[in-house]
């Protein structure tokens, strides 16, 4: 995770358990920081695709580890996960309908 200082398994210098033990309000400080580091701003027009690609990333090509971890989002099966492609995926639409 970026923000870990390059140390695998750390989230802003904390282990997953340490991070989980923080209060909700303190965790939200780090969530805000995470989004800001990725260019997501509340004062810019946003949509669901921007939100989800901020979290999951995009630009993944078949043959790379990131693609293999996210291949369910290759909605058009062209071996490339483009920005916003996940929100066109049938599985995502079902999730969105249930929770949004």
PDB file of N, CA and C in Angstrom:
ATOM      1  N   UNK A   1       0.844  -1.185   0.000  1.00  0.00           N
ATOM      2  CA  UNK A   1       0.000   0.000   0.000  1.00  0.00           C
ATOM      3  C   UNK A   1       0.877   1.231   0.000  1.00  0.00           C
ATOM      4  N   UNK A   2       0.628   2.119  -0.921  1.00  0.00           N
ATOM      5  CA  UNK A   2       1.383   3.367  -0.910  1.00  0.00           C
ATOM      6  C   UNK A   2       1.019   4.100   0.372  1.00  0.00           C
ATOM      7  N   UNK A   3       1.954   4.843   0.870  1.00  0.00           N
ATOM      8  CA  UNK A   3       1.739   5.501   2.157  1.00  0.00           C
ATOM      9  C   UNK A   3       2.378   4.689   3.264  1.00  0.00           C
ATOM     10  N   UNK A   4       2.868   3.492   2.903  1.00  0.00           N
ATOM     11  CA  UNK A   4       3.472   2.628   3.903  1.00  0.00           C
ATOM     12  C   UNK A   4       4.956   2.931   4.072  1.00  0.00           C
ATOM     13  N   UNK A   5       5.463   3.851   3.270  1.00  0.00           N
ATOM     14  CA  UNK A   5       6.892   4.139   3.331  1.00  0.00           C
ATOM     15  C   UNK A   5       7.703   3.053   2.646  1.00  0.00           C
ATOM     16  N   UNK A   6       7.018   2.254   1.834  1.00  0.00           N
ATOM     17  CA  UNK A   6       7.715   1.203   1.104  1.00  0.00           C
ATOM     18  C   UNK A   6       7.910  -0.067   1.908  1.00  0.00           C
ATOM     19  N   UNK A   7       7.360  -0.139   3.097  1.00  0.00           N
ATOM     20  CA  UNK A   7       7.515  -1.321   3.927  1.00  0.00           C
ATOM     21  C   UNK A   7       6.287  -2.201   3.785  1.00  0.00           C
ATOM     22  N   UNK A   8       6.488  -3.363   3.199  1.00  0.00           N
ATOM     23  CA  UNK A   8       5.372  -4.272   2.956  1.00  0.00           C
ATOM     24  C   UNK A   8       4.692  -4.638   4.272  1.00  0.00           C
ATOM     25  N   UNK A   9       3.360  -4.616   4.243  1.00  0.00           N
ATOM     26  CA  UNK A   9       2.588  -5.004   5.412  1.00  0.00           C
ATOM     27  C   UNK A   9       2.317  -3.883   6.396  1.00  0.00           C
ATOM     28  N   UNK A  10       2.794  -2.678   6.092  1.00  0.00           N
ATOM     29  CA  UNK A  10       2.537  -1.548   6.982  1.00  0.00           C
ATOM     30  C   UNK A  10       1.618  -0.547   6.305  1.00  0.00           C
ATOM     31  N   UNK A  11       0.780   0.063   7.093  1.00  0.00           N
ATOM     32  CA  UNK A  11      -0.168   1.073   6.638  1.00  0.00           C
ATOM     33  C   UNK A  11       0.158   2.356   7.383  1.00  0.00           C
ATOM     34  N   UNK A  12       0.790   3.264   6.685  1.00  0.00           N
ATOM     35  CA  UNK A  12       1.239   4.513   7.310  1.00  0.00           C
ATOM     36  C   UNK A  12       2.041   4.223   8.574  1.00  0.00           C
ATOM     37  N   UNK A  13       2.941   3.249   8.460  1.00  0.00           N
ATOM     38  CA  UNK A  13       3.838   2.918   9.565  1.00  0.00           C
ATOM     39  C   UNK A  13       3.248   1.992  10.610  1.00  0.00           C
ATOM     40  N   UNK A  14       2.030   1.518  10.390  1.00  0.00           N
ATOM     41  CA  UNK A  14       1.368   0.645  11.368  1.00  0.00           C
ATOM     42  C   UNK A  14       1.058  -0.704  10.737  1.00  0.00           C
ATOM     43  N   UNK A  15       1.019  -1.726  11.579  1.00  0.00           N
ATOM     44  CA  UNK A  15       0.547  -3.015  11.097  1.00  0.00           C
ATOM     45  C   UNK A  15      -0.961  -2.926  10.900  1.00  0.00           C
ATOM     46  N   UNK A  16      -1.504  -3.921  10.243  1.00  0.00           N
ATOM     47  CA  UNK A  16      -2.957  -3.957  10.040  1.00  0.00           C
ATOM     48  C   UNK A  16      -3.683  -3.944  11.385  1.00  0.00           C
ATOM     49  N   UNK A  17      -3.193  -4.710  12.340  1.00  0.00           N
ATOM     50  CA  UNK A  17      -3.836  -4.750  13.660  1.00  0.00           C
ATOM     51  C   UNK A  17      -3.747  -3.417  14.383  1.00  0.00           C
ATOM     52  N   UNK A  18      -2.603  -2.756  14.294  1.00  0.00           N
ATOM     53  CA  UNK A  18      -2.468  -1.437  14.922  1.00  0.00           C
ATOM     54  C   UNK A  18      -3.433  -0.446  14.275  1.00  0.00           C
ATOM     55  N   UNK A  19      -3.497  -0.480  12.955  1.00  0.00           N
ATOM     56  CA  UNK A  19      -4.398   0.417  12.252  1.00  0.00           C
ATOM     57  C   UNK A  19      -5.843   0.137  12.659  1.00  0.00           C
ATOM     58  N   UNK A  20      -6.207  -1.135  12.726  1.00  0.00           N
ATOM     59  CA  UNK A  20      -7.575  -1.526  13.083  1.00  0.00           C
ATOM     60  C   UNK A  20      -7.930  -1.113  14.510  1.00  0.00           C
ATOM     61  N   UNK A  21      -6.947  -1.003  15.368  1.00  0.00           N
ATOM     62  CA  UNK A  21      -7.228  -0.649  16.763  1.00  0.00           C
ATOM     63  C   UNK A  21      -7.454   0.857  16.963  1.00  0.00           C
ATOM     64  N   UNK A  22      -7.190   1.653  15.930  1.00  0.00           N
ATOM     65  CA  UNK A  22      -7.434   3.092  16.024  1.00  0.00           C
ATOM     66  C   UNK A  22      -8.932   3.366  16.088  1.00  0.00           C
ATOM     67  N   UNK A  23      -9.293   4.472  16.667  1.00  0.00           N
ATOM     68  CA  UNK A  23     -10.703   4.863  16.690  1.00  0.00           C
ATOM     69  C   UNK A  23     -11.167   5.144  15.261  1.00  0.00           C
ATOM     70  N   UNK A  24     -12.460   5.102  15.069  1.00  0.00           N
ATOM     71  CA  UNK A  24     -13.036   5.406  13.752  1.00  0.00           C
ATOM     72  C   UNK A  24     -12.576   6.774  13.275  1.00  0.00           C
ATOM     73  N   UNK A  25     -12.654   7.772  14.138  1.00  0.00           N
ATOM     74  CA  UNK A  25     -12.284   9.140  13.744  1.00  0.00           C
ATOM     75  C   UNK A  25     -10.820   9.228  13.333  1.00  0.00           C
ATOM     76  N   UNK A  26      -9.947   8.531  14.030  1.00  0.00           N
ATOM     77  CA  UNK A  26      -8.526   8.546  13.678  1.00  0.00           C
ATOM     78  C   UNK A  26      -8.298   7.806  12.365  1.00  0.00           C
ATOM     79  N   UNK A  27      -8.991   6.680  12.166  1.00  0.00           N
ATOM     80  CA  UNK A  27      -8.864   5.980  10.897  1.00  0.00           C
ATOM     81  C   UNK A  27      -9.303   6.868   9.736  1.00  0.00           C
ATOM     82  N   UNK A  28     -10.333   7.653   9.937  1.00  0.00           N
ATOM     83  CA  UNK A  28     -10.829   8.510   8.856  1.00  0.00           C
ATOM     84  C   UNK A  28      -9.819   9.582   8.463  1.00  0.00           C
ATOM     85  N   UNK A  29      -8.973   9.995   9.385  1.00  0.00           N
ATOM     86  CA  UNK A  29      -7.890  10.925   9.051  1.00  0.00           C
ATOM     87  C   UNK A  29      -6.973  10.283   8.010  1.00  0.00           C
ATOM     88  N   UNK A  30      -6.653   8.994   8.225  1.00  0.00           N
ATOM     89  CA  UNK A  30      -5.802   8.279   7.281  1.00  0.00           C
ATOM     90  C   UNK A  30      -6.527   7.979   5.972  1.00  0.00           C
ATOM     91  N   UNK A  31      -7.808   7.715   6.026  1.00  0.00           N
ATOM     92  CA  UNK A  31      -8.588   7.496   4.801  1.00  0.00           C
ATOM     93  C   UNK A  31      -8.560   8.760   3.952  1.00  0.00           C
ATOM     94  N   UNK A  32      -8.768   9.898   4.591  1.00  0.00           N
ATOM     95  CA  UNK A  32      -8.726  11.169   3.862  1.00  0.00           C
ATOM     96  C   UNK A  32      -7.342  11.380   3.238  1.00  0.00           C
ATOM     97  N   UNK A  33      -6.300  11.091   3.996  1.00  0.00           N
ATOM     98  CA  UNK A  33      -4.938  11.238   3.495  1.00  0.00           C
ATOM     99  C   UNK A  33      -4.711  10.324   2.287  1.00  0.00           C
ATOM    100  N   UNK A  34      -5.168   9.083   2.383  1.00  0.00           N
ATOM    101  CA  UNK A  34      -5.041   8.105   1.295  1.00  0.00           C
ATOM    102  C   UNK A  34      -5.676   8.636   0.006  1.00  0.00           C
ATOM    103  N   UNK A  35      -6.906   9.157   0.131  1.00  0.00           N
ATOM    104  CA  UNK A  35      -7.595   9.676  -1.050  1.00  0.00           C
ATOM    105  C   UNK A  35      -6.893  10.912  -1.605  1.00  0.00           C
ATOM    106  N   UNK A  36      -6.469  11.800  -0.741  1.00  0.00           N
ATOM    107  CA  UNK A  36      -5.776  13.009  -1.210  1.00  0.00           C
ATOM    108  C   UNK A  36      -4.484  12.662  -1.934  1.00  0.00           C
ATOM    109  N   UNK A  37      -3.746  11.679  -1.428  1.00  0.00           N
ATOM    110  CA  UNK A  37      -2.495  11.259  -2.070  1.00  0.00           C
ATOM    111  C   UNK A  37      -2.732  10.737  -3.484  1.00  0.00           C
ATOM    112  N   UNK A  38      -3.926  10.286  -3.753  1.00  0.00           N
ATOM    113  CA  UNK A  38      -4.270   9.737  -5.054  1.00  0.00           C
ATOM    114  C   UNK A  38      -5.029  10.728  -5.926  1.00  0.00           C
ATOM    115  N   UNK A  39      -5.075  11.985  -5.491  1.00  0.00           N
ATOM    116  CA  UNK A  39      -5.671  13.039  -6.305  1.00  0.00           C
ATOM    117  C   UNK A  39      -7.171  13.185  -6.189  1.00  0.00           C
ATOM    118  N   UNK A  40      -7.792  12.468  -5.277  1.00  0.00           N
ATOM    119  CA  UNK A  40      -9.247  12.546  -5.100  1.00  0.00           C
ATOM    120  C   UNK A  40      -9.543  13.716  -4.177  1.00  0.00           C
ATOM    121  N   UNK A  41     -10.308  14.668  -4.661  1.00  0.00           N
ATOM    122  CA  UNK A  41     -10.625  15.872  -3.887  1.00  0.00           C
ATOM    123  C   UNK A  41     -12.125  16.061  -3.795  1.00  0.00           C
ATOM    124  N   UNK A  42     -12.604  16.374  -2.624  1.00  0.00           N
ATOM    125  CA  UNK A  42     -14.043  16.573  -2.407  1.00  0.00           C
ATOM    126  C   UNK A  42     -14.560  17.780  -3.183  1.00  0.00           C
ATOM    127  N   UNK A  43     -13.704  18.760  -3.459  1.00  0.00           N
ATOM    128  CA  UNK A  43     -14.160  19.967  -4.147  1.00  0.00           C
ATOM    129  C   UNK A  43     -14.113  19.839  -5.675  1.00  0.00           C
ATOM    130  N   UNK A  44     -13.713  18.669  -6.178  1.00  0.00           N
ATOM    131  CA  UNK A  44     -13.732  18.408  -7.621  1.00  0.00           C
ATOM    132  C   UNK A  44     -14.929  17.507  -7.931  1.00  0.00           C
ATOM    133  N   UNK A  45     -15.557  17.677  -9.087  1.00  0.00           N
ATOM    134  CA  UNK A  45     -16.661  16.763  -9.435  1.00  0.00           C
ATOM    135  C   UNK A  45     -16.166  15.315  -9.446  1.00  0.00           C
ATOM    136  N   UNK A  46     -16.904  14.449  -8.817  1.00  0.00           N
ATOM    137  CA  UNK A  46     -16.516  13.049  -8.721  1.00  0.00           C
ATOM    138  C   UNK A  46     -17.696  12.166  -9.111  1.00  0.00           C
ATOM    139  N   UNK A  47     -17.391  10.915  -9.375  1.00  0.00           N
ATOM    140  CA  UNK A  47     -18.435   9.932  -9.645  1.00  0.00           C
ATOM    141  C   UNK A  47     -17.995   8.598  -9.057  1.00  0.00           C
ATOM    142  N   UNK A  48     -18.847   7.605  -9.154  1.00  0.00           N
ATOM    143  CA  UNK A  48     -18.543   6.296  -8.573  1.00  0.00           C
ATOM    144  C   UNK A  48     -17.288   5.698  -9.201  1.00  0.00           C
ATOM    145  N   UNK A  49     -17.114   5.864 -10.493  1.00  0.00           N
ATOM    146  CA  UNK A  49     -15.930   5.320 -11.162  1.00  0.00           C
ATOM    147  C   UNK A  49     -14.659   5.932 -10.591  1.00  0.00           C
ATOM    148  N   UNK A  50     -14.653   7.241 -10.373  1.00  0.00           N
ATOM    149  CA  UNK A  50     -13.472   7.896  -9.805  1.00  0.00           C
ATOM    150  C   UNK A  50     -13.194   7.382  -8.396  1.00  0.00           C
ATOM    151  N   UNK A  51     -14.240   7.229  -7.610  1.00  0.00           N
ATOM    152  CA  UNK A  51     -14.080   6.745  -6.239  1.00  0.00           C
ATOM    153  C   UNK A  51     -13.460   5.354  -6.226  1.00  0.00           C
ATOM    154  N   UNK A  52     -14.042   4.434  -6.976  1.00  0.00           N
ATOM    155  CA  UNK A  52     -13.558   3.058  -6.946  1.00  0.00           C
ATOM    156  C   UNK A  52     -12.181   2.902  -7.566  1.00  0.00           C
ATOM    157  N   UNK A  53     -11.872   3.635  -8.625  1.00  0.00           N
ATOM    158  CA  UNK A  53     -10.541   3.507  -9.201  1.00  0.00           C
ATOM    159  C   UNK A  53      -9.490   4.172  -8.328  1.00  0.00           C
ATOM    160  N   UNK A  54      -9.890   5.108  -7.487  1.00  0.00           N
ATOM    161  CA  UNK A  54      -8.960   5.667  -6.506  1.00  0.00           C
ATOM    162  C   UNK A  54      -8.538   4.572  -5.532  1.00  0.00           C
ATOM    163  N   UNK A  55      -9.455   3.714  -5.174  1.00  0.00           N
ATOM    164  CA  UNK A  55      -9.170   2.636  -4.224  1.00  0.00           C
ATOM    165  C   UNK A  55      -8.475   1.466  -4.907  1.00  0.00           C
ATOM    166  N   UNK A  56      -9.002   1.019  -6.032  1.00  0.00           N
ATOM    167  CA  UNK A  56      -8.495  -0.208  -6.649  1.00  0.00           C
ATOM    168  C   UNK A  56      -7.386   0.020  -7.663  1.00  0.00           C
ATOM    169  N   UNK A  57      -7.306   1.213  -8.196  1.00  0.00           N
ATOM    170  CA  UNK A  57      -6.348   1.479  -9.257  1.00  0.00           C
ATOM    171  C   UNK A  57      -6.900   1.047 -10.603  1.00  0.00           C
ATOM    172  N   UNK A  58      -6.111   1.211 -11.635  1.00  0.00           N
ATOM    173  CA  UNK A  58      -6.499   0.837 -12.995  1.00  0.00           C
ATOM    174  C   UNK A  58      -5.247   0.850 -13.854  1.00  0.00           C
ATOM    175  N   UNK A  59      -5.412   0.472 -15.107  1.00  0.00           N
ATOM    176  CA  UNK A  59      -4.262   0.410 -16.010  1.00  0.00           C
ATOM    177  C   UNK A  59      -3.523  -0.917 -15.907  1.00  0.00           C
ATOM    178  N   UNK A  60      -4.170  -1.921 -15.345  1.00  0.00           N
ATOM    179  CA  UNK A  60      -3.538  -3.221 -15.161  1.00  0.00           C
ATOM    180  C   UNK A  60      -3.645  -4.054 -16.432  1.00  0.00           C
ATOM    181  N   UNK A  61      -2.537  -4.697 -16.809  1.00  0.00           N
ATOM    182  CA  UNK A  61      -2.490  -5.539 -18.009  1.00  0.00           C
ATOM    183  C   UNK A  61      -2.282  -6.990 -17.608  1.00  0.00           C
ATOM    184  N   UNK A  62      -2.896  -7.887 -18.402  1.00  0.00           N
ATOM    185  CA  UNK A  62      -2.715  -9.321 -18.159  1.00  0.00           C
ATOM    186  C   UNK A  62      -1.220  -9.631 -18.122  1.00  0.00           C
ATOM    187  N   UNK A  63      -0.852 -10.523 -17.231  1.00  0.00           N
ATOM    188  CA  UNK A  63       0.548 -10.905 -17.089  1.00  0.00           C
ATOM    189  C   UNK A  63       1.216 -10.231 -15.898  1.00  0.00           C
ATOM    190  N   UNK A  64       0.551  -9.241 -15.326  1.00  0.00           N
ATOM    191  CA  UNK A  64       1.088  -8.553 -14.162  1.00  0.00           C
ATOM    192  C   UNK A  64       0.292  -8.947 -12.919  1.00  0.00           C
ATOM    193  N   UNK A  65       0.954  -8.934 -11.789  1.00  0.00           N
ATOM    194  CA  UNK A  65       0.344  -9.334 -10.519  1.00  0.00           C
ATOM    195  C   UNK A  65      -0.935  -8.536 -10.216  1.00  0.00           C
ATOM    196  N   UNK A  66      -0.902  -7.233 -10.439  1.00  0.00           N
ATOM    197  CA  UNK A  66      -2.070  -6.388 -10.148  1.00  0.00           C
ATOM    198  C   UNK A  66      -3.263  -6.794 -11.006  1.00  0.00           C
ATOM    199  N   UNK A  67      -3.001  -7.184 -12.251  1.00  0.00           N
ATOM    200  CA  UNK A  67      -4.104  -7.636 -13.115  1.00  0.00           C
ATOM    201  C   UNK A  67      -4.708  -8.913 -12.550  1.00  0.00           C
ATOM    202  N   UNK A  68      -3.872  -9.848 -12.174  1.00  0.00           N
ATOM    203  CA  UNK A  68      -4.371 -11.131 -11.663  1.00  0.00           C
ATOM    204  C   UNK A  68      -5.226 -10.935 -10.414  1.00  0.00           C
ATOM    205  N   UNK A  69      -4.844  -9.993  -9.569  1.00  0.00           N
ATOM    206  CA  UNK A  69      -5.611  -9.724  -8.350  1.00  0.00           C
ATOM    207  C   UNK A  69      -6.939  -9.025  -8.640  1.00  0.00           C
ATOM    208  N   UNK A  70      -7.039  -8.359  -9.772  1.00  0.00           N
ATOM    209  CA  UNK A  70      -8.222  -7.552 -10.096  1.00  0.00           C
ATOM    210  C   UNK A  70      -8.919  -7.970 -11.381  1.00  0.00           C
ATOM    211  N   UNK A  71      -8.580  -9.129 -11.931  1.00  0.00           N
ATOM    212  CA  UNK A  71      -9.080  -9.506 -13.255  1.00  0.00           C
ATOM    213  C   UNK A  71     -10.597  -9.610 -13.327  1.00  0.00           C
ATOM    214  N   UNK A  72     -11.272  -9.777 -12.212  1.00  0.00           N
ATOM    215  CA  UNK A  72     -12.735  -9.807 -12.233  1.00  0.00           C
ATOM    216  C   UNK A  72     -13.300  -8.501 -12.804  1.00  0.00           C
ATOM    217  N   UNK A  73     -12.523  -7.414 -12.716  1.00  0.00           N
ATOM    218  CA  UNK A  73     -12.999  -6.108 -13.193  1.00  0.00           C
ATOM    219  C   UNK A  73     -12.709  -5.870 -14.670  1.00  0.00           C
ATOM    220  N   UNK A  74     -12.077  -6.823 -15.338  1.00  0.00           N
ATOM    221  CA  UNK A  74     -11.844  -6.691 -16.788  1.00  0.00           C
ATOM    222  C   UNK A  74     -13.153  -7.011 -17.499  1.00  0.00           C
ATOM    223  N   UNK A  75     -14.060  -6.066 -17.462  1.00  0.00           N
ATOM    224  CA  UNK A  75     -15.438  -6.258 -17.910  1.00  0.00           C
ATOM    225  C   UNK A  75     -15.553  -6.628 -19.378  1.00  0.00           C
ATOM    226  N   UNK A  76     -14.704  -6.053 -20.213  1.00  0.00           N
ATOM    227  CA  UNK A  76     -14.803  -6.343 -21.649  1.00  0.00           C
ATOM    228  C   UNK A  76     -13.812  -7.431 -22.090  1.00  0.00           C
ATOM    229  N   UNK A  77     -13.121  -8.006 -21.127  1.00  0.00           N
ATOM    230  CA  UNK A  77     -12.200  -9.133 -21.353  1.00  0.00           C
ATOM    231  C   UNK A  77     -11.153  -8.843 -22.432  1.00  0.00           C
ATOM    232  N   UNK A  78     -10.606  -7.630 -22.398  1.00  0.00           N
ATOM    233  CA  UNK A  78      -9.566  -7.276 -23.368  1.00  0.00           C
ATOM    234  C   UNK A  78      -8.164  -7.340 -22.764  1.00  0.00           C
ATOM    235  N   UNK A  79      -8.054  -7.977 -21.602  1.00  0.00           N
ATOM    236  CA  UNK A  79      -6.773  -8.165 -20.902  1.00  0.00           C
ATOM    237  C   UNK A  79      -6.178  -6.856 -20.387  1.00  0.00           C
ATOM    238  N   UNK A  80      -7.020  -5.870 -20.191  1.00  0.00           N
ATOM    239  CA  UNK A  80      -6.589  -4.569 -19.683  1.00  0.00           C
ATOM    240  C   UNK A  80      -7.734  -3.980 -18.857  1.00  0.00           C
ATOM    241  N   UNK A  81      -7.427  -3.497 -17.669  1.00  0.00           N
ATOM    242  CA  UNK A  81      -8.448  -2.879 -16.819  1.00  0.00           C
ATOM    243  C   UNK A  81      -8.291  -1.369 -16.916  1.00  0.00           C
ATOM    244  N   UNK A  82      -9.221  -0.752 -17.636  1.00  0.00           N
ATOM    245  CA  UNK A  82      -9.190   0.688 -17.866  1.00  0.00           C
ATOM    246  C   UNK A  82      -9.854   1.432 -16.703  1.00  0.00           C
ATOM    247  N   UNK A  83      -9.571   2.717 -16.605  1.00  0.00           N
ATOM    248  CA  UNK A  83     -10.194   3.539 -15.576  1.00  0.00           C
ATOM    249  C   UNK A  83     -11.713   3.510 -15.733  1.00  0.00           C
ATOM    250  N   UNK A  84     -12.395   3.215 -14.652  1.00  0.00           N
ATOM    251  CA  UNK A  84     -13.848   3.192 -14.653  1.00  0.00           C
ATOM    252  C   UNK A  84     -14.465   1.912 -15.170  1.00  0.00           C
ATOM    253  N   UNK A  85     -13.638   0.984 -15.660  1.00  0.00           N
ATOM    254  CA  UNK A  85     -14.182  -0.243 -16.238  1.00  0.00           C
ATOM    255  C   UNK A  85     -14.945  -1.080 -15.211  1.00  0.00           C
ATOM    256  N   UNK A  86     -14.490  -1.067 -13.975  1.00  0.00           N
ATOM    257  CA  UNK A  86     -15.136  -1.914 -12.967  1.00  0.00           C
ATOM    258  C   UNK A  86     -16.604  -1.564 -12.766  1.00  0.00           C
ATOM    259  N   UNK A  87     -16.967  -0.296 -12.886  1.00  0.00           N
ATOM    260  CA  UNK A  87     -18.362   0.080 -12.630  1.00  0.00           C
ATOM    261  C   UNK A  87     -19.294  -0.358 -13.756  1.00  0.00           C
ATOM    262  N   UNK A  88     -18.736  -0.844 -14.860  1.00  0.00           N
ATOM    263  CA  UNK A  88     -19.556  -1.391 -15.935  1.00  0.00           C
ATOM    264  C   UNK A  88     -19.730  -2.898 -15.793  1.00  0.00           C
ATOM    265  N   UNK A  89     -19.060  -3.474 -14.814  1.00  0.00           N
ATOM    266  CA  UNK A  89     -19.077  -4.912 -14.581  1.00  0.00           C
ATOM    267  C   UNK A  89     -20.392  -5.337 -13.939  1.00  0.00           C
ATOM    268  N   UNK A  90     -20.956  -6.456 -14.398  1.00  0.00           N
ATOM    269  CA  UNK A  90     -22.244  -6.934 -13.877  1.00  0.00           C
ATOM    270  C   UNK A  90     -22.181  -7.192 -12.369  1.00  0.00           C
ATOM    271  N   UNK A  91     -21.077  -7.747 -11.890  1.00  0.00           N
ATOM    272  CA  UNK A  91     -20.945  -8.020 -10.450  1.00  0.00           C
ATOM    273  C   UNK A  91     -20.943  -6.716  -9.659  1.00  0.00           C
ATOM    274  N   UNK A  92     -20.288  -5.699 -10.179  1.00  0.00           N
ATOM    275  CA  UNK A  92     -20.271  -4.419  -9.494  1.00  0.00           C
ATOM    276  C   UNK A  92     -21.656  -3.786  -9.498  1.00  0.00           C
ATOM    277  N   UNK A  93     -22.326  -3.847 -10.619  1.00  0.00           N
ATOM    278  CA  UNK A  93     -23.673  -3.258 -10.706  1.00  0.00           C
ATOM    279  C   UNK A  93     -24.620  -3.908  -9.701  1.00  0.00           C
ATOM    280  N   UNK A  94     -24.509  -5.220  -9.511  1.00  0.00           N
ATOM    281  CA  UNK A  94     -25.343  -5.904  -8.516  1.00  0.00           C
ATOM    282  C   UNK A  94     -24.999  -5.412  -7.115  1.00  0.00           C
ATOM    283  N   UNK A  95     -23.705  -5.250  -6.838  1.00  0.00           N
ATOM    284  CA  UNK A  95     -23.248  -4.723  -5.550  1.00  0.00           C
ATOM    285  C   UNK A  95     -23.759  -3.296  -5.347  1.00  0.00           C
ATOM    286  N   UNK A  96     -23.646  -2.488  -6.373  1.00  0.00           N
ATOM    287  CA  UNK A  96     -24.058  -1.096  -6.304  1.00  0.00           C
ATOM    288  C   UNK A  96     -25.556  -1.012  -6.040  1.00  0.00           C
ATOM    289  N   UNK A  97     -26.334  -1.820  -6.719  1.00  0.00           N
ATOM    290  CA  UNK A  97     -27.778  -1.809  -6.551  1.00  0.00           C
ATOM    291  C   UNK A  97     -28.155  -2.180  -5.109  1.00  0.00           C
ATOM    292  N   UNK A  98     -27.427  -3.124  -4.532  1.00  0.00           N
ATOM    293  CA  UNK A  98     -27.728  -3.577  -3.174  1.00  0.00           C
ATOM    294  C   UNK A  98     -27.350  -2.527  -2.133  1.00  0.00           C
ATOM    295  N   UNK A  99     -26.219  -1.872  -2.308  1.00  0.00           N
ATOM    296  CA  UNK A  99     -25.694  -0.986  -1.257  1.00  0.00           C
ATOM    297  C   UNK A  99     -25.883   0.493  -1.499  1.00  0.00           C
ATOM    298  N   UNK A 100     -26.193   0.891  -2.719  1.00  0.00           N
ATOM    299  CA  UNK A 100     -26.333   2.324  -2.982  1.00  0.00           C
ATOM    300  C   UNK A 100     -27.760   2.607  -3.346  1.00  0.00           C
TER     301      UNK A 100
END
